[in-house]
PDB file of N, CA and C in Angstrom:
ATOM      1  N   MET A   1     -66.953 224.596-275.922  1.00  0.00           N
ATOM      2  CA  MET A   1     -65.479 224.422-276.050  1.00  0.00           C
ATOM      3  C   MET A   1     -64.852 224.489-274.648  1.00  0.00           C
ATOM      4  N   ILE A   2     -63.961 223.542-274.403  1.00  0.00           N
ATOM      5  CA  ILE A   2     -63.229 223.514-273.089  1.00  0.00           C
ATOM      6  C   ILE A   2     -62.021 224.382-273.168  1.00  0.00           C
ATOM      7  N   ASP A   3     -61.835 225.241-272.195  1.00  0.00           N
ATOM      8  CA  ASP A   3     -60.636 226.046-272.127  1.00  0.00           C
ATOM      9  C   ASP A   3     -59.592 225.250-271.241  1.00  0.00           C
ATOM     10  N   ARG A   4     -58.656 224.791-271.938  1.00  0.00           N
ATOM     11  CA  ARG A   4     -57.621 223.909-271.228  1.00  0.00           C
ATOM     12  C   ARG A   4     -56.747 224.705-270.309  1.00  0.00           C
ATOM     13  N   ASP A   5     -56.695 226.022-270.453  1.00  0.00           N
ATOM     14  CA  ASP A   5     -55.858 226.809-269.518  1.00  0.00           C
ATOM     15  C   ASP A   5     -56.527 227.081-268.171  1.00  0.00           C
ATOM     16  N   GLN A   6     -57.802 226.888-268.095  1.00  0.00           N
ATOM     17  CA  GLN A   6     -58.517 227.128-266.794  1.00  0.00           C
ATOM     18  C   GLN A   6     -58.342 225.886-265.878  1.00  0.00           C
ATOM     19  N   PRO A   7     -58.062 226.171-264.644  1.00  0.00           N
ATOM     20  CA  PRO A   7     -57.883 224.972-263.704  1.00  0.00           C
ATOM     21  C   PRO A   7     -59.298 224.337-263.476  1.00  0.00           C
ATOM     22  N   GLY A   8     -59.213 223.052-263.155  1.00  0.00           N
ATOM     23  CA  GLY A   8     -60.346 222.305-262.886  1.00  0.00           C
ATOM     24  C   GLY A   8     -60.845 222.625-261.493  1.00  0.00           C
ATOM     25  N   PRO A   9     -62.046 222.124-261.078  1.00  0.00           N
ATOM     26  CA  PRO A   9     -62.555 222.426-259.765  1.00  0.00           C
ATOM     27  C   PRO A   9     -61.632 222.067-258.637  1.00  0.00           C
ATOM     28  N   ALA A  10     -60.899 220.956-258.747  1.00  0.00           N
ATOM     29  CA  ALA A  10     -60.032 220.470-257.729  1.00  0.00           C
ATOM     30  C   ALA A  10     -58.749 221.351-257.573  1.00  0.00           C
ATOM     31  N   GLU A  11     -58.390 222.044-258.752  1.00  0.00           N
ATOM     32  CA  GLU A  11     -57.202 222.821-258.795  1.00  0.00           C
ATOM     33  C   GLU A  11     -57.412 224.279-258.457  1.00  0.00           C
ATOM     34  N   ARG A  12     -58.670 224.758-258.422  1.00  0.00           N
ATOM     35  CA  ARG A  12     -58.969 226.126-258.152  1.00  0.00           C
ATOM     36  C   ARG A  12     -58.662 226.420-256.673  1.00  0.00           C
ATOM     37  N   GLY A  13     -58.202 227.662-256.448  1.00  0.00           N
ATOM     38  CA  GLY A  13     -57.936 228.063-255.098  1.00  0.00           C
ATOM     39  C   GLY A  13     -59.205 228.362-254.286  1.00  0.00           C
ATOM     40  N   ARG A  14     -59.085 228.254-253.054  1.00  0.00           N
ATOM     41  CA  ARG A  14     -60.258 228.586-252.176  1.00  0.00           C
ATOM     42  C   ARG A  14     -60.457 230.093-252.143  1.00  0.00           C
ATOM     43  N   LEU A  15     -61.719 230.407-251.770  1.00  0.00           N
ATOM     44  CA  LEU A  15     -61.995 231.833-251.677  1.00  0.00           C
ATOM     45  C   LEU A  15     -61.276 232.443-250.512  1.00  0.00           C
ATOM     46  N   THR A  16     -60.723 233.554-250.736  1.00  0.00           N
ATOM     47  CA  THR A  16     -59.942 234.311-249.681  1.00  0.00           C
ATOM     48  C   THR A  16     -60.876 235.052-248.783  1.00  0.00           C
ATOM     49  N   GLU A  17     -60.390 235.551-247.696  1.00  0.00           N
ATOM     50  CA  GLU A  17     -61.144 236.444-246.831  1.00  0.00           C
ATOM     51  C   GLU A  17     -61.581 237.702-247.625  1.00  0.00           C
ATOM     52  N   GLN A  18     -60.663 238.151-248.491  1.00  0.00           N
ATOM     53  CA  GLN A  18     -60.994 239.363-249.342  1.00  0.00           C
ATOM     54  C   GLN A  18     -62.131 239.011-250.262  1.00  0.00           C
ATOM     55  N   ASP A  19     -62.074 237.845-250.908  1.00  0.00           N
ATOM     56  CA  ASP A  19     -63.188 237.442-251.845  1.00  0.00           C
ATOM     57  C   ASP A  19     -64.512 237.455-251.106  1.00  0.00           C
ATOM     58  N   LEU A  20     -64.542 236.878-249.982  1.00  0.00           N
ATOM     59  CA  LEU A  20     -65.785 236.761-249.179  1.00  0.00           C
ATOM     60  C   LEU A  20     -66.221 238.148-248.682  1.00  0.00           C
ATOM     61  N   ALA A  21     -65.363 239.053-248.317  1.00  0.00           N
ATOM     62  CA  ALA A  21     -65.733 240.399-247.887  1.00  0.00           C
ATOM     63  C   ALA A  21     -66.329 241.157-249.129  1.00  0.00           C
ATOM     64  N   ILE A  22     -65.696 241.054-250.232  1.00  0.00           N
ATOM     65  CA  ILE A  22     -66.170 241.720-251.419  1.00  0.00           C
ATOM     66  C   ILE A  22     -67.593 241.214-251.796  1.00  0.00           C
ATOM     67  N   ALA A  23     -67.760 239.909-251.737  1.00  0.00           N
ATOM     68  CA  ALA A  23     -69.041 239.369-252.079  1.00  0.00           C
ATOM     69  C   ALA A  23     -70.134 239.870-251.069  1.00  0.00           C
ATOM     70  N   ALA A  24     -69.787 239.942-249.790  1.00  0.00           N
ATOM     71  CA  ALA A  24     -70.688 240.454-248.771  1.00  0.00           C
ATOM     72  C   ALA A  24     -71.070 241.906-249.025  1.00  0.00           C
ATOM     73  N   LEU A  25     -70.051 242.711-249.482  1.00  0.00           N
ATOM     74  CA  LEU A  25     -70.235 244.117-249.715  1.00  0.00           C
ATOM     75  C   LEU A  25     -71.129 244.332-250.948  1.00  0.00           C
ATOM     76  N   VAL A  26     -70.970 243.567-251.936  1.00  0.00           N
ATOM     77  CA  VAL A  26     -71.831 243.575-253.163  1.00  0.00           C
ATOM     78  C   VAL A  26     -73.235 243.191-252.806  1.00  0.00           C
ATOM     79  N   GLY A  27     -73.298 242.189-251.897  1.00  0.00           N
ATOM     80  CA  GLY A  27     -74.659 241.784-251.459  1.00  0.00           C
ATOM     81  C   GLY A  27     -75.355 242.860-250.692  1.00  0.00           C
ATOM     82  N   ARG A  28     -74.654 243.575-249.881  1.00  0.00           N
ATOM     83  CA  ARG A  28     -75.288 244.726-249.160  1.00  0.00           C
ATOM     84  C   ARG A  28     -75.744 245.791-250.093  1.00  0.00           C
ATOM     85  N   TYR A  29     -74.902 246.079-251.033  1.00  0.00           N
ATOM     86  CA  TYR A  29     -75.228 247.099-252.053  1.00  0.00           C
ATOM     87  C   TYR A  29     -76.523 246.750-252.805  1.00  0.00           C
ATOM     88  N   ILE A  30     -76.581 245.523-253.241  1.00  0.00           N
ATOM     89  CA  ILE A  30     -77.717 245.086-253.954  1.00  0.00           C
ATOM     90  C   ILE A  30     -78.977 245.058-253.143  1.00  0.00           C
ATOM     91  N   GLU A  31     -78.888 244.599-251.902  1.00  0.00           N
ATOM     92  CA  GLU A  31     -79.978 244.559-251.018  1.00  0.00           C
ATOM     93  C   GLU A  31     -80.542 245.984-250.791  1.00  0.00           C
ATOM     94  N   ARG A  32     -79.670 246.961-250.578  1.00  0.00           N
ATOM     95  CA  ARG A  32     -80.078 248.348-250.350  1.00  0.00           C
ATOM     96  C   ARG A  32     -80.777 248.865-251.606  1.00  0.00           C
ATOM     97  N   ARG A  33     -80.201 248.589-252.756  1.00  0.00           N
ATOM     98  CA  ARG A  33     -80.786 249.129-254.030  1.00  0.00           C
ATOM     99  C   ARG A  33     -82.201 248.522-254.272  1.00  0.00           C
ATOM    100  N   GLU A  34     -82.341 247.185-254.020  1.00  0.00           N
ATOM    101  CA  GLU A  34     -83.548 246.527-254.263  1.00  0.00           C
ATOM    102  C   GLU A  34     -84.619 246.997-253.230  1.00  0.00           C
ATOM    103  N   HIS A  35     -84.244 247.534-252.141  1.00  0.00           N
ATOM    104  CA  HIS A  35     -85.244 247.966-251.088  1.00  0.00           C
ATOM    105  C   HIS A  35     -85.352 249.533-251.162  1.00  0.00           C
ATOM    106  N   HIS A  36     -84.827 250.093-252.268  1.00  0.00           N
ATOM    107  CA  HIS A  36     -84.891 251.544-252.471  1.00  0.00           C
ATOM    108  C   HIS A  36     -84.270 252.366-251.362  1.00  0.00           C
ATOM    109  N   GLN A  37     -83.248 251.857-250.822  1.00  0.00           N
ATOM    110  CA  GLN A  37     -82.479 252.566-249.731  1.00  0.00           C
ATOM    111  C   GLN A  37     -81.232 253.166-250.381  1.00  0.00           C
ATOM    112  N   THR A  38     -80.681 254.173-249.705  1.00  0.00           N
ATOM    113  CA  THR A  38     -79.370 254.733-250.115  1.00  0.00           C
ATOM    114  C   THR A  38     -78.299 253.663-250.031  1.00  0.00           C
ATOM    115  N   PRO A  39     -77.575 253.385-251.103  1.00  0.00           N
ATOM    116  CA  PRO A  39     -76.598 252.332-251.124  1.00  0.00           C
ATOM    117  C   PRO A  39     -75.356 252.558-250.240  1.00  0.00           C
ATOM    118  N   ARG A  40     -75.107 253.858-249.891  1.00  0.00           N
ATOM    119  CA  ARG A  40     -73.952 254.213-249.007  1.00  0.00           C
ATOM    120  C   ARG A  40     -72.648 253.604-249.597  1.00  0.00           C
ATOM    121  N   VAL A  41     -72.364 253.912-250.816  1.00  0.00           N
ATOM    122  CA  VAL A  41     -71.196 253.326-251.476  1.00  0.00           C
ATOM    123  C   VAL A  41     -69.886 253.723-250.766  1.00  0.00           C
ATOM    124  N   HIS A  42     -69.804 254.940-250.272  1.00  0.00           N
ATOM    125  CA  HIS A  42     -68.626 255.367-249.577  1.00  0.00           C
ATOM    126  C   HIS A  42     -68.278 254.503-248.415  1.00  0.00           C
ATOM    127  N   ASP A  43     -69.316 254.104-247.669  1.00  0.00           N
ATOM    128  CA  ASP A  43     -69.113 253.218-246.501  1.00  0.00           C
ATOM    129  C   ASP A  43     -68.605 251.823-246.950  1.00  0.00           C
ATOM    130  N   LEU A  44     -69.215 251.331-248.045  1.00  0.00           N
ATOM    131  CA  LEU A  44     -68.789 250.027-248.591  1.00  0.00           C
ATOM    132  C   LEU A  44     -67.354 250.043-249.072  1.00  0.00           C
ATOM    133  N   LEU A  45     -66.965 251.155-249.784  1.00  0.00           N
ATOM    134  CA  LEU A  45     -65.607 251.332-250.264  1.00  0.00           C
ATOM    135  C   LEU A  45     -64.634 251.450-249.122  1.00  0.00           C
ATOM    136  N   ALA A  46     -65.018 252.072-248.044  1.00  0.00           N
ATOM    137  CA  ALA A  46     -64.117 252.210-246.827  1.00  0.00           C
ATOM    138  C   ALA A  46     -63.871 250.807-246.245  1.00  0.00           C
ATOM    139  N   VAL A  47     -64.884 249.946-246.202  1.00  0.00           N
ATOM    140  CA  VAL A  47     -64.672 248.600-245.705  1.00  0.00           C
ATOM    141  C   VAL A  47     -63.768 247.848-246.667  1.00  0.00           C
ATOM    142  N   ALA A  48     -63.955 247.989-247.899  1.00  0.00           N
ATOM    143  CA  ALA A  48     -63.137 247.298-248.908  1.00  0.00           C
ATOM    144  C   ALA A  48     -61.666 247.805-248.787  1.00  0.00           C
ATOM    145  N   ALA A  49     -61.499 249.051-248.520  1.00  0.00           N
ATOM    146  CA  ALA A  49     -60.162 249.632-248.389  1.00  0.00           C
ATOM    147  C   ALA A  49     -59.328 248.967-247.272  1.00  0.00           C
ATOM    148  N   GLU A  50     -60.003 248.423-246.313  1.00  0.00           N
ATOM    149  CA  GLU A  50     -59.272 247.640-245.255  1.00  0.00           C
ATOM    150  C   GLU A  50     -58.465 246.467-245.844  1.00  0.00           C
ATOM    151  N   PHE A  51     -58.919 246.000-247.033  1.00  0.00           N
ATOM    152  CA  PHE A  51     -58.249 244.835-247.669  1.00  0.00           C
ATOM    153  C   PHE A  51     -57.333 245.247-248.789  1.00  0.00           C
ATOM    154  N   GLY A  52     -57.165 246.614-248.986  1.00  0.00           N
ATOM    155  CA  GLY A  52     -56.243 247.127-249.924  1.00  0.00           C
ATOM    156  C   GLY A  52     -56.882 247.609-251.231  1.00  0.00           C
ATOM    157  N   ASP A  53     -56.075 248.301-252.060  1.00  0.00           N
ATOM    158  CA  ASP A  53     -56.503 248.859-253.317  1.00  0.00           C
ATOM    159  C   ASP A  53     -57.146 247.936-254.254  1.00  0.00           C
ATOM    160  N   THR A  54     -56.635 246.640-254.265  1.00  0.00           N
ATOM    161  CA  THR A  54     -57.204 245.723-255.153  1.00  0.00           C
ATOM    162  C   THR A  54     -58.656 245.392-254.829  1.00  0.00           C
ATOM    163  N   ALA A  55     -58.949 245.299-253.584  1.00  0.00           N
ATOM    164  CA  ALA A  55     -60.342 245.067-253.116  1.00  0.00           C
ATOM    165  C   ALA A  55     -61.239 246.254-253.531  1.00  0.00           C
ATOM    166  N   VAL A  56     -60.780 247.430-253.336  1.00  0.00           N
ATOM    167  CA  VAL A  56     -61.503 248.593-253.780  1.00  0.00           C
ATOM    168  C   VAL A  56     -61.822 248.588-255.250  1.00  0.00           C
ATOM    169  N   ASP A  57     -60.796 248.300-256.050  1.00  0.00           N
ATOM    170  CA  ASP A  57     -60.991 248.219-257.493  1.00  0.00           C
ATOM    171  C   ASP A  57     -61.966 247.099-257.857  1.00  0.00           C
ATOM    172  N   ALA A  58     -61.857 245.955-257.208  1.00  0.00           N
ATOM    173  CA  ALA A  58     -62.735 244.845-257.552  1.00  0.00           C
ATOM    174  C   ALA A  58     -64.185 245.248-257.148  1.00  0.00           C
ATOM    175  N   LEU A  59     -64.440 245.866-256.035  1.00  0.00           N
ATOM    176  CA  LEU A  59     -65.733 246.231-255.631  1.00  0.00           C
ATOM    177  C   LEU A  59     -66.330 247.338-256.575  1.00  0.00           C
ATOM    178  N   ARG A  60     -65.489 248.276-256.953  1.00  0.00           N
ATOM    179  CA  ARG A  60     -65.961 249.264-257.945  1.00  0.00           C
ATOM    180  C   ARG A  60     -66.421 248.601-259.260  1.00  0.00           C
ATOM    181  N   THR A  61     -65.600 247.665-259.716  1.00  0.00           N
ATOM    182  CA  THR A  61     -65.895 246.940-260.979  1.00  0.00           C
ATOM    183  C   THR A  61     -67.175 246.187-260.856  1.00  0.00           C
ATOM    184  N   LEU A  62     -67.377 245.516-259.716  1.00  0.00           N
ATOM    185  CA  LEU A  62     -68.607 244.684-259.581  1.00  0.00           C
ATOM    186  C   LEU A  62     -69.818 245.520-259.459  1.00  0.00           C
ATOM    187  N   LEU A  63     -69.713 246.644-258.755  1.00  0.00           N
ATOM    188  CA  LEU A  63     -70.892 247.565-258.628  1.00  0.00           C
ATOM    189  C   LEU A  63     -71.230 248.153-259.922  1.00  0.00           C
ATOM    190  N   ALA A  64     -70.200 248.578-260.731  1.00  0.00           N
ATOM    191  CA  ALA A  64     -70.450 249.107-262.072  1.00  0.00           C
ATOM    192  C   ALA A  64     -71.134 248.092-263.036  1.00  0.00           C
ATOM    193  N   CYS A  65     -70.713 246.746-262.922  1.00  0.00           N
ATOM    194  CA  CYS A  65     -71.316 245.739-263.674  1.00  0.00           C
ATOM    195  C   CYS A  65     -72.753 245.497-263.241  1.00  0.00           C
ATOM    196  N   TYR A  66     -73.022 245.539-261.952  1.00  0.00           N
ATOM    197  CA  TYR A  66     -74.364 245.406-261.462  1.00  0.00           C
ATOM    198  C   TYR A  66     -75.254 246.556-261.948  1.00  0.00           C
ATOM    199  N   GLU A  67     -74.803 247.777-261.906  1.00  0.00           N
ATOM    200  CA  GLU A  67     -75.574 248.899-262.406  1.00  0.00           C
ATOM    201  C   GLU A  67     -75.775 248.827-263.885  1.00  0.00           C
ATOM    202  N   ALA A  68     -74.783 248.331-264.689  1.00  0.00           N
ATOM    203  CA  ALA A  68     -75.004 248.198-266.102  1.00  0.00           C
ATOM    204  C   ALA A  68     -76.081 247.184-266.387  1.00  0.00           C
ATOM    205  N   MET A  69     -76.010 246.021-265.720  1.00  0.00           N
ATOM    206  CA  MET A  69     -77.052 244.943-265.826  1.00  0.00           C
ATOM    207  C   MET A  69     -78.434 245.522-265.473  1.00  0.00           C
ATOM    208  N   ARG A  70     -78.520 246.237-264.428  1.00  0.00           N
ATOM    209  CA  ARG A  70     -79.772 246.790-263.984  1.00  0.00           C
ATOM    210  C   ARG A  70     -80.325 247.761-264.998  1.00  0.00           C
ATOM    211  N   ALA A  71     -79.487 248.641-265.555  1.00  0.00           N
ATOM    212  CA  ALA A  71     -79.863 249.613-266.584  1.00  0.00           C
ATOM    213  C   ALA A  71     -80.362 248.868-267.833  1.00  0.00           C
ATOM    214  N   TYR A  72     -79.658 247.793-268.223  1.00  0.00           N
ATOM    215  CA  TYR A  72     -80.071 247.025-269.350  1.00  0.00           C
ATOM    216  C   TYR A  72     -81.404 246.349-269.150  1.00  0.00           C
ATOM    217  N   ARG A  73     -81.644 245.844-267.958  1.00  0.00           N
ATOM    218  CA  ARG A  73     -82.935 245.206-267.620  1.00  0.00           C
ATOM    219  C   ARG A  73     -84.048 246.227-267.691  1.00  0.00           C
ATOM    220  N   GLU A  74     -83.805 247.440-267.214  1.00  0.00           N
ATOM    221  CA  GLU A  74     -84.806 248.537-267.228  1.00  0.00           C
ATOM    222  C   GLU A  74     -85.048 248.927-268.731  1.00  0.00           C
ATOM    223  N   ASP A  75     -84.003 249.033-269.477  1.00  0.00           N
ATOM    224  CA  ASP A  75     -84.201 249.432-270.905  1.00  0.00           C
ATOM    225  C   ASP A  75     -84.982 248.390-271.653  1.00  0.00           C
ATOM    226  N   ALA A  76     -84.724 247.123-271.386  1.00  0.00           N
ATOM    227  CA  ALA A  76     -85.416 246.053-272.077  1.00  0.00           C
ATOM    228  C   ALA A  76     -86.907 246.032-271.645  1.00  0.00           C
ATOM    229  N   ALA A  77     -87.177 246.348-270.389  1.00  0.00           N
ATOM    230  CA  ALA A  77     -88.550 246.363-269.942  1.00  0.00           C
ATOM    231  C   ALA A  77     -89.327 247.495-270.597  1.00  0.00           C
ATOM    232  N   ASP A  78     -88.641 248.629-270.813  1.00  0.00           N
ATOM    233  CA  ASP A  78     -89.259 249.805-271.489  1.00  0.00           C
ATOM    234  C   ASP A  78     -89.624 249.478-272.893  1.00  0.00           C
ATOM    235  N   LEU A  79     -88.932 248.611-273.625  1.00  0.00           N
ATOM    236  CA  LEU A  79     -89.225 248.265-274.972  1.00  0.00           C
ATOM    237  C   LEU A  79     -90.531 247.445-275.126  1.00  0.00           C
ATOM    238  N   GLY A  80     -90.967 246.767-274.120  1.00  0.00           N
ATOM    239  CA  GLY A  80     -92.129 245.955-274.191  1.00  0.00           C
ATOM    240  C   GLY A  80     -91.816 244.554-274.736  1.00  0.00           C
ATOM    241  N   PRO A  81     -92.786 243.610-274.602  1.00  0.00           N
ATOM    242  CA  PRO A  81     -92.411 242.267-275.001  1.00  0.00           C
ATOM    243  C   PRO A  81     -92.277 242.087-276.493  1.00  0.00           C
ATOM    244  N   GLU A  82     -92.945 242.950-277.269  1.00  0.00           N
ATOM    245  CA  GLU A  82     -92.853 242.736-278.752  1.00  0.00           C
ATOM    246  C   GLU A  82     -91.472 243.219-279.335  1.00  0.00           C
ATOM    247  N   ARG A  83     -90.728 244.025-278.522  1.00  0.00           N
ATOM    248  CA  ARG A  83     -89.447 244.569-279.064  1.00  0.00           C
ATOM    249  C   ARG A  83     -88.214 243.885-278.550  1.00  0.00           C
ATOM    250  N   LYS A  84     -88.409 242.926-277.637  1.00  0.00           N
ATOM    251  CA  LYS A  84     -87.233 242.216-276.996  1.00  0.00           C
ATOM    252  C   LYS A  84     -86.621 241.192-277.982  1.00  0.00           C
TER     253      LYS A  84
END
């Protein structure tokens, strides 16, 4: 089903500097987690704070979503192939 309220590709806004910064911070977090390093969330949140409270909230939300997806993936792996 097509959502008529969503703008088309030509009408969407460009990514802002804040959007790109948040994406980079999420990428750093994921890279650290995947390499079993300390994620240093406080450092990442401090960088996001330079863009304001909205950026901090967005980063927290995205990191929580990532952790939820990661936990779900680990839970599914624990069930084994016959239980998925």
